[in-house]
Amino acid sequence: MARLKIVTTATAPFDHEKEALAGLDAEFVPVAAGDEEALVAAMADADALYPTGKVSRRVIEAAAAGRCKVIVLGSVGVDYVDIAAATAAGIPVTNVPDTFVEEVADHAMTLLLGSFRRLVEHDRMVREGRWRDGRAHLYQFPRLWGLTLGFVGFGHIARAVALRARPFGLRMIAYDPYVEEISMLPLGVSPAGLHELLGESDFVSMHSPGTSETGHMLGEAQFKLMKPTALFINTGRGATVDEQALITALQQGWIAGAALDVLEVEPPRQDNPLLGMRNVTFTAHVASASSRFDPARKRRVGHELSLVLSGRWPMSCVNPAVLAASGLRRWQPVSMERGPNS
């Protein structure tokens, strides 16, 4: 029997995760996803938890009663874990905030350009034999150059979108109370208040994380502030938007359209009014997907497990306040610069 036990609801094989664990006497112990009773029982002697679904307070309390040192997530979002309970229990929770940045930024820019040029509508026109309708349709919209893109949240992904948007001549503004203004300016982005951003933007791109603070961050009051010609893009988390308010905004013409990779309930019910709206473009929560998706995130999971199970701080901790009292030691990245005697 291995010395270290990693309980997981992920599916085998764990080849990519094990790469960083070479040399550690560790094993993955799978538990059926959704079986809370089995998960609670398995945490009694677990050294780490690697979940793919909901982690409740009850599971975390069972982990804290044992010897669990870390909860490692293979995702950017952490809203399926009771972070408050983990923090109270002194258990670090890690995620992979920078593994899918380029893919999601590409997807956000694709949704922006596709919705602005009404790509889906024009594809439909051609297929329906309405070849000559397209040009007249686009005559009613301005050119992209000089329009305003507003970011709600300005983390890694929004910054990568800004790099892509800048060559298109977009004026860019961002609202994020947790980001210093000085970090926006080199990217050609100006800071703005939320109300100011909503009122000025031709595109509102949502990038806020899914937390208790950001739940339904955009509702009827916020959509009413937007331009009737504005497009709303969400590649972040569905729960940050009051979906019924978005439906109302589209039905009432408060905004012109939306391009959505995420929804409040996924997959959507077939009677969801959004599905019948021609001014809404969908993708199925796929913004982060590429051929490197699984290998990259799983290697990162393995690396975080290796660090913590070796007694060191993880790279990306979403509740860093617990680290000082965790008994783990800080680590310093090895410099790649050559010294004078190299």
Protein backbone atom coordinates (compact mmCIF):
# COMPACT_ATOMS: atom_id res chain seq x y z
CA MET A 1 0.00 0.00 0.00
CA ALA A 2 1.28 3.46 -0.92
CA ARG A 3 2.27 5.90 1.78
CA LEU A 4 0.25 8.78 0.32
CA LYS A 5 -3.42 8.50 -0.67
CA ILE A 6 -5.00 10.88 -3.18
CA VAL A 7 -8.78 10.51 -3.27
CA THR A 8 -10.30 11.52 -6.60
CA THR A 9 -13.54 11.52 -8.53
CA ALA A 10 -11.61 11.89 -11.79
CA THR A 11 -11.35 8.90 -14.09
CA ALA A 12 -8.23 6.81 -14.68
CA PRO A 13 -5.67 6.61 -16.12
CA PHE A 14 -3.73 9.26 -14.22
CA ASP A 15 -0.64 9.19 -16.43
CA HIS A 16 -0.26 12.96 -16.79
CA GLU A 17 -0.85 13.62 -13.10
CA LYS A 18 1.70 10.95 -12.12
CA GLU A 19 4.54 12.56 -14.10
CA ALA A 20 5.22 15.10 -11.35
CA LEU A 21 4.63 12.53 -8.61
CA ALA A 22 7.51 10.28 -9.66
CA GLY A 23 9.59 9.53 -6.60
CA LEU A 24 6.70 10.00 -4.21
CA ASP A 25 5.00 6.91 -2.85
CA ALA A 26 1.52 8.04 -3.82
CA GLU A 27 -1.57 6.40 -5.29
CA PHE A 28 -4.86 7.65 -6.70
CA VAL A 29 -7.95 6.16 -5.09
CA PRO A 30 -11.03 6.72 -7.29
CA VAL A 31 -14.46 7.34 -5.75
CA ALA A 32 -17.65 7.46 -7.80
CA ALA A 33 -18.56 11.05 -8.75
CA GLY A 34 -21.66 12.28 -6.94
CA ASP A 35 -21.42 9.71 -4.11
CA GLU A 36 -20.97 12.00 -1.11
CA GLU A 37 -21.16 9.16 1.43
CA ALA A 38 -18.31 7.30 -0.27
CA LEU A 39 -16.29 10.51 -0.55
CA VAL A 40 -16.73 11.31 3.14
CA ALA A 41 -15.65 7.78 4.10
CA ALA A 42 -12.62 7.88 1.79
CA MET A 43 -11.38 11.16 3.28
CA ALA A 44 -10.75 9.54 6.67
CA ASP A 45 -7.18 8.60 5.70
CA ALA A 46 -6.63 10.73 2.58
CA ASP A 47 -3.63 12.99 2.11
CA ALA A 48 -5.20 14.95 -0.75
CA LEU A 49 -8.47 15.38 -2.62
CA TYR A 50 -8.65 15.77 -6.41
CA PRO A 51 -12.35 16.33 -7.18
CA THR A 52 -14.25 16.92 -10.39
CA GLY A 53 -17.62 17.73 -8.83
CA LYS A 54 -19.20 19.30 -5.78
CA VAL A 55 -17.18 19.34 -2.55
CA SER A 56 -19.48 20.16 0.34
CA ARG A 57 -18.73 21.37 3.84
CA ARG A 58 -19.39 17.85 5.07
CA VAL A 59 -16.69 16.41 2.82
CA ILE A 60 -14.25 19.11 3.89
CA GLU A 61 -14.93 18.50 7.56
CA ALA A 62 -14.20 14.81 7.01
CA ALA A 63 -10.97 15.78 5.25
CA ALA A 64 -9.96 18.10 8.09
CA ALA A 65 -10.66 15.38 10.68
CA GLY A 66 -8.12 13.21 8.88
CA ARG A 67 -4.78 14.23 7.41
CA CYS A 68 -5.80 15.94 4.15
CA LYS A 69 -3.24 18.54 3.18
CA VAL A 70 -4.75 19.97 0.00
CA ILE A 71 -7.73 20.05 -2.38
CA VAL A 72 -6.44 20.25 -5.94
CA LEU A 73 -8.74 21.30 -8.80
CA GLY A 74 -8.12 20.76 -12.49
CA SER A 75 -10.16 23.81 -13.47
CA VAL A 76 -10.09 27.59 -13.37
CA GLY A 77 -13.45 27.84 -11.63
CA VAL A 78 -13.67 26.91 -7.96
CA ASP A 79 -17.36 27.52 -7.35
CA TYR A 80 -18.13 23.82 -6.90
CA VAL A 81 -16.02 23.73 -3.73
CA ASP A 82 -17.02 25.26 -0.39
CA ILE A 83 -13.96 27.52 -0.20
CA ALA A 84 -15.13 29.10 3.07
CA ALA A 85 -15.27 25.68 4.72
CA ALA A 86 -11.84 24.75 3.37
CA THR A 87 -10.40 28.02 4.65
CA ALA A 88 -11.96 27.51 8.08
CA ALA A 89 -10.44 24.01 8.12
CA GLY A 90 -7.02 25.34 7.10
CA ILE A 91 -6.90 23.29 3.89
CA PRO A 92 -5.36 24.95 0.81
CA VAL A 93 -7.40 24.79 -2.40
CA THR A 94 -5.57 25.09 -5.72
CA ASN A 95 -6.77 25.66 -9.27
CA VAL A 96 -5.27 26.13 -12.73
CA PRO A 97 -5.87 29.82 -13.50
CA ASP A 98 -3.33 30.19 -16.30
CA THR A 99 -3.47 26.88 -18.17
CA PHE A 100 -6.27 27.73 -20.63
CA VAL A 101 -5.78 31.48 -20.96
CA GLU A 102 -4.93 31.58 -24.66
CA GLU A 103 -7.77 29.26 -25.68
CA VAL A 104 -10.42 31.19 -23.76
CA ALA A 105 -9.09 34.53 -25.00
CA ASP A 106 -9.24 33.26 -28.60
CA HIS A 107 -12.80 32.09 -28.03
CA ALA A 108 -13.91 35.38 -26.48
CA MET A 109 -12.48 37.29 -29.43
CA THR A 110 -14.16 34.86 -31.83
CA LEU A 111 -17.54 35.43 -30.16
CA LEU A 112 -17.01 39.20 -30.27
CA LEU A 113 -16.17 39.28 -33.98
CA GLY A 114 -18.72 36.66 -34.95
CA SER A 115 -21.60 38.31 -33.12
CA PHE A 116 -20.64 41.79 -34.33
CA ARG A 117 -20.54 40.72 -37.98
CA ARG A 118 -23.66 38.57 -37.43
CA LEU A 119 -21.81 35.51 -38.71
CA VAL A 120 -24.44 32.93 -37.76
CA GLU A 121 -27.24 35.00 -39.30
CA HIS A 122 -25.32 35.38 -42.56
CA ASP A 123 -24.52 31.69 -42.72
CA ARG A 124 -28.26 31.06 -42.39
CA MET A 125 -29.04 33.58 -45.16
CA VAL A 126 -26.76 31.81 -47.62
CA ARG A 127 -28.15 28.38 -46.76
CA GLU A 128 -31.70 29.68 -47.19
CA GLY A 129 -30.97 31.14 -50.64
CA ARG A 130 -31.01 34.77 -49.47
CA TRP A 131 -27.61 35.63 -50.93
CA ARG A 132 -28.51 39.24 -51.72
CA ASP A 133 -29.87 40.05 -48.25
CA GLY A 134 -26.52 40.04 -46.49
CA ARG A 135 -25.04 43.31 -47.67
CA ALA A 136 -28.17 45.34 -46.89
CA HIS A 137 -28.29 43.72 -43.46
CA LEU A 138 -24.76 44.84 -42.56
CA TYR A 139 -25.32 48.40 -43.83
CA GLN A 140 -27.13 49.15 -40.56
CA PHE A 141 -24.08 48.45 -38.35
CA PRO A 142 -20.97 50.62 -37.83
CA ARG A 143 -17.45 49.47 -38.51
CA LEU A 144 -15.57 47.84 -35.65
CA TRP A 145 -12.67 50.31 -35.52
CA GLY A 146 -13.22 52.91 -32.80
CA LEU A 147 -15.92 51.05 -30.85
CA THR A 148 -15.57 50.41 -27.12
CA LEU A 149 -14.91 47.06 -25.47
CA GLY A 150 -15.57 46.88 -21.74
CA PHE A 151 -14.17 44.12 -19.54
CA VAL A 152 -16.02 43.18 -16.37
CA GLY A 153 -13.16 41.56 -14.49
CA PHE A 154 -9.57 42.01 -15.66
CA GLY A 155 -7.65 38.87 -14.83
CA HIS A 156 -5.40 36.71 -17.03
CA ILE A 157 -8.01 35.99 -19.70
CA ALA A 158 -9.33 39.53 -20.05
CA ARG A 159 -5.75 40.77 -20.42
CA ALA A 160 -5.12 38.22 -23.16
CA VAL A 161 -8.31 39.35 -24.91
CA ALA A 162 -7.09 42.95 -24.69
CA LEU A 163 -3.91 41.97 -26.55
CA ARG A 164 -6.03 40.46 -29.31
CA ALA A 165 -8.52 43.33 -29.46
CA ARG A 166 -6.03 46.17 -29.59
CA PRO A 167 -5.01 45.68 -33.26
CA PHE A 168 -8.70 45.92 -34.23
CA GLY A 169 -8.75 49.55 -33.12
CA LEU A 170 -11.07 49.06 -30.17
CA ARG A 171 -11.10 51.51 -27.31
CA MET A 172 -10.87 49.41 -24.14
CA ILE A 173 -12.01 50.00 -20.57
CA ALA A 174 -12.17 47.64 -17.60
CA TYR A 175 -13.85 47.33 -14.23
CA ASP A 176 -12.11 45.26 -11.58
CA PRO A 177 -11.89 46.49 -7.98
CA TYR A 178 -9.14 43.96 -7.23
CA VAL A 179 -6.77 44.99 -10.01
CA GLU A 180 -4.48 48.02 -9.84
CA GLU A 181 -5.09 50.60 -12.54
CA ILE A 182 -1.39 50.69 -13.35
CA SER A 183 -1.56 47.10 -14.66
CA MET A 184 -4.27 48.07 -17.18
CA LEU A 185 -2.58 51.02 -18.82
CA PRO A 186 0.30 49.18 -20.57
CA LEU A 187 -2.32 47.07 -22.36
CA GLY A 188 -4.11 50.14 -23.66
CA VAL A 189 -6.98 49.69 -21.22
CA SER A 190 -8.41 52.48 -19.07
CA PRO A 191 -10.02 51.85 -15.67
CA ALA A 192 -13.74 52.55 -15.27
CA GLY A 193 -16.53 52.17 -12.76
CA LEU A 194 -19.07 49.47 -13.52
CA HIS A 195 -21.90 51.89 -14.35
CA GLU A 196 -19.59 53.95 -16.54
CA LEU A 197 -18.38 50.84 -18.35
CA LEU A 198 -21.88 49.52 -19.02
CA GLY A 199 -23.06 52.87 -20.36
CA GLU A 200 -20.10 53.43 -22.70
CA SER A 201 -19.34 49.94 -24.05
CA ASP A 202 -20.40 48.59 -27.42
CA PHE A 203 -19.24 45.18 -26.24
CA VAL A 204 -19.38 44.02 -22.62
CA SER A 205 -17.17 40.99 -22.04
CA MET A 206 -17.74 39.15 -18.76
CA HIS A 207 -14.68 37.70 -17.04
CA SER A 208 -15.51 37.79 -13.32
CA PRO A 209 -15.00 34.53 -11.41
CA GLY A 210 -17.95 32.67 -9.96
CA THR A 211 -17.98 33.54 -6.26
CA SER A 212 -20.55 34.48 -3.64
CA GLU A 213 -19.67 38.13 -4.28
CA THR A 214 -20.21 37.99 -8.05
CA GLY A 215 -23.40 35.92 -8.15
CA HIS A 216 -25.96 37.71 -10.37
CA MET A 217 -23.53 40.61 -10.62
CA LEU A 218 -25.33 41.68 -13.79
CA GLY A 219 -29.11 41.94 -13.47
CA GLU A 220 -31.91 44.06 -14.87
CA ALA A 221 -30.52 47.29 -13.42
CA GLN A 222 -27.17 46.69 -15.08
CA PHE A 223 -28.57 45.63 -18.48
CA LYS A 224 -30.75 48.75 -18.53
CA LEU A 225 -27.58 50.84 -18.36
CA MET A 226 -26.18 49.31 -21.54
CA LYS A 227 -26.59 50.73 -25.04
CA PRO A 228 -29.47 49.27 -27.06
CA THR A 229 -26.85 48.51 -29.74
CA ALA A 230 -24.48 46.73 -27.32
CA LEU A 231 -23.49 43.07 -27.45
CA PHE A 232 -22.91 41.00 -24.31
CA ILE A 233 -20.24 38.28 -24.33
CA ASN A 234 -19.73 35.74 -21.54
CA THR A 235 -16.86 33.26 -21.47
CA GLY A 236 -16.57 33.44 -17.68
CA ARG A 237 -19.13 31.88 -15.36
CA GLY A 238 -22.85 31.65 -16.02
CA ALA A 239 -23.82 32.37 -12.42
CA THR A 240 -22.39 35.90 -12.59
CA VAL A 241 -25.40 36.85 -14.72
CA ASP A 242 -29.08 36.81 -13.76
CA GLU A 243 -30.20 34.79 -16.76
CA GLN A 244 -33.82 35.88 -16.53
CA ALA A 245 -32.65 39.49 -16.55
CA LEU A 246 -30.58 38.77 -19.68
CA ILE A 247 -33.63 37.21 -21.33
CA THR A 248 -35.69 40.28 -20.48
CA ALA A 249 -32.95 42.61 -21.75
CA LEU A 250 -32.93 40.82 -25.11
CA GLN A 251 -36.72 40.62 -25.35
CA GLN A 252 -37.17 44.29 -24.47
CA GLY A 253 -34.34 45.51 -26.71
CA TRP A 254 -32.24 46.91 -23.87
CA ILE A 255 -29.28 45.29 -25.64
CA ALA A 256 -28.85 44.13 -29.23
CA GLY A 257 -27.58 40.61 -28.71
CA ALA A 258 -25.42 38.16 -26.80
CA ALA A 259 -22.71 35.57 -27.43
CA LEU A 260 -22.58 32.99 -24.66
CA ASP A 261 -20.23 30.13 -23.87
CA VAL A 262 -21.63 29.72 -20.35
CA LEU A 263 -25.12 29.71 -18.87
CA GLU A 264 -26.56 29.78 -15.38
CA VAL A 265 -27.90 26.23 -15.85
CA GLU A 266 -25.91 23.90 -18.09
CA PRO A 267 -26.98 22.33 -20.33
CA PRO A 268 -29.97 24.64 -20.83
CA ARG A 269 -33.53 23.35 -20.76
CA GLN A 270 -35.02 23.13 -24.22
CA ASP A 271 -37.73 25.61 -23.22
CA ASN A 272 -35.13 28.26 -22.32
CA PRO A 273 -36.21 31.39 -24.28
CA LEU A 274 -32.59 32.17 -25.16
CA LEU A 275 -32.49 29.14 -27.47
CA GLY A 276 -35.16 30.67 -29.69
CA MET A 277 -33.47 34.05 -30.07
CA ARG A 278 -31.73 34.71 -33.38
CA ASN A 279 -29.64 37.48 -31.84
CA VAL A 280 -27.95 35.05 -29.44
CA THR A 281 -24.93 32.93 -30.39
CA PHE A 282 -24.05 29.87 -28.30
CA THR A 283 -21.14 27.56 -27.70
CA ALA A 284 -21.34 24.74 -25.17
CA HIS A 285 -18.89 25.84 -22.44
CA VAL A 286 -16.01 24.93 -24.73
CA ALA A 287 -13.87 28.09 -24.63
CA SER A 288 -10.98 26.34 -22.88
CA ALA A 289 -11.00 23.27 -25.13
CA SER A 290 -8.04 22.35 -27.32
CA SER A 291 -5.84 19.31 -27.87
CA ARG A 292 -3.67 20.37 -24.94
CA PHE A 293 -6.58 20.82 -22.51
CA ASP A 294 -6.40 17.53 -20.63
CA PRO A 295 -2.62 16.99 -20.66
CA ALA A 296 -1.88 20.55 -19.54
CA ARG A 297 -4.36 20.74 -16.70
CA LYS A 298 -3.60 17.23 -15.46
CA ARG A 299 0.14 17.90 -15.39
CA ARG A 300 -0.58 21.05 -13.41
CA VAL A 301 -2.72 19.03 -10.97
CA GLY A 302 0.16 16.58 -10.55
CA HIS A 303 2.61 19.42 -9.98
CA GLU A 304 0.46 20.99 -7.25
CA LEU A 305 0.00 17.61 -5.58
CA SER A 306 3.75 16.99 -5.73
CA LEU A 307 4.55 20.34 -4.13
CA VAL A 308 2.12 19.99 -1.23
CA LEU A 309 2.76 16.30 -0.56
CA SER A 310 6.47 17.15 -0.46
CA GLY A 311 5.76 19.76 2.20
CA ARG A 312 5.89 22.89 0.03
CA TRP A 313 3.48 25.69 -0.85
CA PRO A 314 1.41 25.16 -4.01
CA MET A 315 1.82 27.49 -6.98
CA SER A 316 -1.78 28.66 -7.20
CA CYS A 317 -3.77 28.80 -3.97
CA VAL A 318 -7.25 30.36 -4.04
CA ASN A 319 -7.32 30.73 -0.23
CA PRO A 320 -3.71 31.77 0.48
CA ALA A 321 -4.51 32.95 4.00
CA VAL A 322 -4.25 29.32 5.15
CA LEU A 323 -0.68 28.81 3.97
CA ALA A 324 1.14 30.57 6.81
CA ALA A 325 -0.28 28.14 9.38
CA SER A 326 -0.30 25.08 7.11
CA GLY A 327 3.11 23.77 8.10
CA LEU A 328 4.13 23.87 4.45
CA ARG A 329 7.30 25.74 3.58
CA ARG A 330 7.66 28.45 0.98
CA TRP A 331 9.54 27.55 -2.16
CA GLN A 332 11.59 29.75 -4.44
CA PRO A 333 11.64 29.19 -8.20
CA VAL A 334 15.07 28.27 -9.52
CA SER A 335 16.65 31.12 -11.47
CA MET A 336 17.50 30.32 -15.08
CA GLU A 337 19.97 33.18 -15.32
CA ARG A 338 23.61 32.19 -15.66
CA GLY A 339 25.94 33.38 -12.95
CA PRO A 340 29.54 34.48 -13.49
CA ASN A 341 30.86 30.94 -12.83
CA SER A 342 28.32 29.12 -15.05
